[in-house]
Protein backbone atom coordinates (compact mmCIF):
# COMPACT_ATOMS: atom_id res chain seq x y z
CA MET A 1 15.70 9.65 1.74
CA GLU A 2 15.97 5.84 1.59
CA ALA A 3 12.77 5.51 3.64
CA LEU A 4 10.89 7.83 1.27
CA LEU A 5 12.08 6.20 -1.95
CA THR A 6 11.73 2.62 -0.75
CA SER A 7 8.25 3.30 0.66
CA THR A 8 7.15 4.95 -2.58
CA ALA A 9 8.40 2.09 -4.77
CA VAL A 10 7.08 -0.70 -2.55
CA VAL A 11 3.58 0.72 -2.23
CA ALA A 12 3.27 1.92 -5.85
CA LEU A 13 4.06 -1.57 -7.10
CA ALA A 14 2.04 -3.40 -4.45
CA GLU A 15 -1.01 -1.22 -5.10
CA ILE A 16 -1.35 -2.15 -8.76
CA GLY A 17 -4.21 -4.60 -8.99
CA ASP A 18 -4.91 -4.27 -5.26
CA LYS A 19 -8.48 -3.96 -4.01
CA THR A 20 -8.05 -0.26 -3.19
CA GLN A 21 -7.00 0.41 -6.78
CA LEU A 22 -10.03 -1.54 -7.94
CA LEU A 23 -12.08 0.58 -5.53
CA ALA A 24 -10.66 3.73 -7.17
CA ILE A 25 -11.84 2.46 -10.56
CA LEU A 26 -15.25 1.54 -9.15
CA LEU A 27 -15.68 4.98 -7.53
CA ALA A 28 -14.56 6.73 -10.72
CA THR A 29 -17.13 4.87 -12.79
CA ARG A 30 -19.84 5.41 -10.17
CA PHE A 31 -19.34 9.14 -9.48
CA ARG A 32 -17.59 10.40 -12.63
CA LYS A 33 -15.94 13.14 -10.51
CA PRO A 34 -12.23 12.38 -10.48
CA TRP A 35 -10.89 15.27 -8.36
CA PRO A 36 -12.99 14.63 -5.22
CA ILE A 37 -12.04 10.94 -5.50
CA VAL A 38 -8.33 11.78 -5.81
CA ALA A 39 -8.59 14.11 -2.79
CA GLY A 40 -10.41 11.41 -0.83
CA ILE A 41 -7.71 8.85 -1.65
CA PHE A 42 -5.03 11.33 -0.57
CA PHE A 43 -6.57 12.15 2.83
CA ALA A 44 -7.58 8.56 3.62
CA THR A 45 -4.09 7.33 2.74
CA ILE A 46 -2.33 9.93 4.86
CA ALA A 47 -4.49 9.11 7.87
CA ASN A 48 -4.28 5.33 7.46
CA HIS A 49 -0.60 5.12 6.56
CA PHE A 50 0.49 7.59 9.24
CA LEU A 51 -1.11 5.38 11.86
CA ALA A 52 0.39 2.25 10.26
CA ALA A 53 3.90 3.74 10.04
CA LEU A 54 3.61 5.02 13.62
CA LEU A 55 2.55 1.58 14.82
CA GLY A 56 5.46 -0.08 13.01
CA SER A 57 7.96 2.44 14.31
CA GLU A 58 6.71 2.29 17.91
CA VAL A 59 6.54 -1.49 17.99
CA ALA A 60 10.06 -1.65 16.55
CA SER A 61 11.29 0.74 19.27
CA PHE A 62 9.98 -1.51 22.03
CA LEU A 63 10.89 -4.80 20.42
CA ASP A 64 14.27 -4.00 18.95
CA GLY A 65 16.41 -7.09 18.70
CA HIS A 66 17.48 -9.78 16.32
CA TRP A 67 14.30 -11.82 16.62
CA PHE A 68 12.15 -8.76 15.86
CA ARG A 69 14.26 -7.88 12.81
CA TYR A 70 13.83 -11.47 11.65
CA ALA A 71 10.05 -11.03 12.07
CA VAL A 72 10.09 -7.83 10.01
CA ALA A 73 12.12 -9.60 7.30
CA ALA A 74 9.66 -12.51 7.37
CA SER A 75 6.77 -10.06 7.02
CA PHE A 76 8.30 -8.70 3.80
CA ILE A 77 8.70 -12.24 2.48
CA ALA A 78 5.08 -13.00 3.43
CA MET A 79 4.04 -9.80 1.60
CA ALA A 80 5.84 -11.14 -1.49
CA ILE A 81 3.63 -14.22 -1.42
CA TRP A 82 0.46 -12.24 -0.63
CA THR A 83 1.15 -9.84 -3.50
CA LEU A 84 0.88 -12.72 -5.97
CA ILE A 85 -2.73 -13.36 -4.91
CA PRO A 86 -5.05 -11.10 -6.96
CA ASP A 87 -7.83 -9.13 -5.29
CA LYS A 88 -11.37 -9.09 -6.63
CA ILE A 89 -13.62 -6.12 -7.27
CA ASP A 90 -16.66 -8.21 -6.19
CA ASP A 91 -15.77 -7.52 -2.56
CA LEU A 92 -16.17 -3.77 -3.11
CA GLU A 93 -19.60 -3.47 -4.69
CA ASP A 94 -21.42 -2.64 -1.44
CA LYS A 95 -19.46 0.46 -0.41
CA PRO A 96 -21.54 3.46 0.76
CA ALA A 97 -22.45 6.04 -1.89
CA ARG A 98 -24.87 8.44 -0.22
CA PHE A 99 -22.36 11.02 1.00
CA GLY A 100 -20.86 12.17 -2.28
CA ALA A 101 -17.62 11.31 -3.99
CA PHE A 102 -15.16 12.83 -1.48
CA VAL A 103 -16.63 11.52 1.78
CA THR A 104 -17.44 8.14 0.26
CA THR A 105 -13.87 7.83 -1.00
CA VAL A 106 -12.32 8.86 2.34
CA VAL A 107 -14.45 6.42 4.33
CA ALA A 108 -14.24 3.56 1.83
CA PHE A 109 -10.49 3.89 1.25
CA PHE A 110 -9.69 4.17 4.95
CA LEU A 111 -11.77 1.09 5.78
CA VAL A 112 -10.73 -1.04 2.80
CA GLU A 113 -7.08 -0.23 3.49
CA MET A 114 -7.34 -1.72 7.00
CA GLY A 115 -5.35 -4.95 6.95
CA ASP A 116 -4.61 -4.52 3.25
CA LYS A 117 -1.27 -5.40 1.68
CA THR A 118 -0.16 -1.79 1.46
CA GLN A 119 -1.11 -1.05 5.08
CA ILE A 120 0.79 -4.11 6.32
CA ALA A 121 3.72 -3.05 4.14
CA THR A 122 3.54 0.43 5.72
CA VAL A 123 3.71 -1.10 9.20
CA ALA A 124 6.75 -3.12 8.13
CA LEU A 125 8.37 -0.08 6.51
CA GLY A 126 7.75 1.95 9.69
CA ALA A 127 9.42 -0.82 11.69
CA ARG A 128 12.30 -1.04 9.24
CA PHE A 129 13.10 2.68 8.95
CA HIS A 130 11.81 4.18 12.26
CA ASP A 131 10.86 7.24 10.19
CA VAL A 132 7.11 7.85 10.36
CA VAL A 133 7.09 11.05 8.30
CA HIS A 134 9.15 9.78 5.36
CA VAL A 135 7.44 6.37 5.32
CA THR A 136 4.01 8.06 5.36
CA MET A 137 5.08 10.47 2.61
CA GLY A 138 6.52 7.65 0.52
CA THR A 139 3.58 5.30 0.90
CA THR A 140 1.14 8.13 0.17
CA ILE A 141 3.08 9.07 -2.97
CA GLY A 142 3.10 5.40 -3.97
CA MET A 143 -0.67 5.14 -3.46
CA MET A 144 -1.24 8.28 -5.50
CA LEU A 145 1.07 7.10 -8.31
CA ALA A 146 -0.93 3.90 -8.59
CA ASN A 147 -4.44 5.24 -7.99
CA VAL A 148 -4.62 8.61 -9.75
CA PRO A 149 -4.19 7.01 -13.20
CA ALA A 150 -6.78 4.41 -12.16
CA VAL A 151 -9.26 7.16 -11.32
CA PHE A 152 -8.76 8.98 -14.62
CA LEU A 153 -8.29 6.00 -16.91
CA GLY A 154 -10.46 3.46 -15.11
CA HIS A 155 -11.13 0.27 -17.01
CA GLU A 156 -8.97 1.35 -19.97
CA LEU A 157 -5.89 1.04 -17.76
CA LEU A 158 -6.69 -2.58 -16.96
CA LYS A 159 -6.81 -3.44 -20.69
CA HIS A 160 -3.20 -2.30 -21.27
CA VAL A 161 -1.37 -3.20 -18.06
CA SER A 162 -0.44 -6.80 -17.34
CA LEU A 163 -1.33 -7.12 -13.69
CA ASN A 164 0.46 -10.46 -13.45
CA VAL A 165 3.76 -8.90 -14.47
CA VAL A 166 3.27 -6.03 -12.02
CA ARG A 167 2.39 -8.47 -9.22
CA ILE A 168 5.55 -10.48 -9.96
CA VAL A 169 7.71 -7.32 -9.90
CA ALA A 170 6.11 -6.16 -6.63
CA ALA A 171 6.48 -9.62 -5.07
CA THR A 172 10.13 -9.71 -6.14
CA LEU A 173 10.72 -6.30 -4.53
CA PHE A 174 9.13 -7.46 -1.25
CA LEU A 175 11.16 -10.69 -1.38
CA LEU A 176 14.43 -8.84 -2.01
CA ILE A 177 13.80 -6.44 0.88
CA GLY A 178 12.96 -9.39 3.15
CA LEU A 179 16.06 -11.32 2.11
CA TRP A 180 18.24 -8.22 2.51
CA LEU A 181 16.90 -7.69 6.04
CA LEU A 182 17.54 -11.36 6.85
CA ALA A 183 21.12 -11.05 5.57
CA GLN A 184 21.68 -7.82 7.54
CA THR A 185 20.30 -9.31 10.75
CA ALA A 186 22.39 -12.46 10.35
CA GLY A 187 25.47 -10.26 9.83
CA LEU A 188 26.07 -11.50 6.29
CA VAL A 189 26.16 -8.00 4.78
């Protein structure tokens, strides 16, 4: 249960203001068909985050040890710093649009998520919890919590939500998880 809840919270917060959330807004304004976009986000996230959680879990199984746990903790701290750097929608303007809302969303989300903050966080969560199913479920729920409102509310959402505050909260969460892992590995807690 801890893997599910932590994964949901980490990704939901990290996703706010992220380029995939901006992509959701862009697709919603381009296609004006929210349900195929929501379905595309869901399927792309499951596929991408399952592979990321599996990678994290498998790597952690082979590399279990204090130094690897320190590396996982450091990755959460690095994610805290990265979360404070805002993404731009300019990078997303050239996404394919000829296949309809669903296929375009699946392809665009899967590709844009590669190497993204939330995918890297999913790898780290997979390494931390060794629970691919619950991490994938949690990160997918987190992505949906952040992106479904973006699809339906689009630009209106950005007028009322302070992305700086959300970034600071998400960065703090990543930092706390990283520091907690450091303390656990060092035997302080």
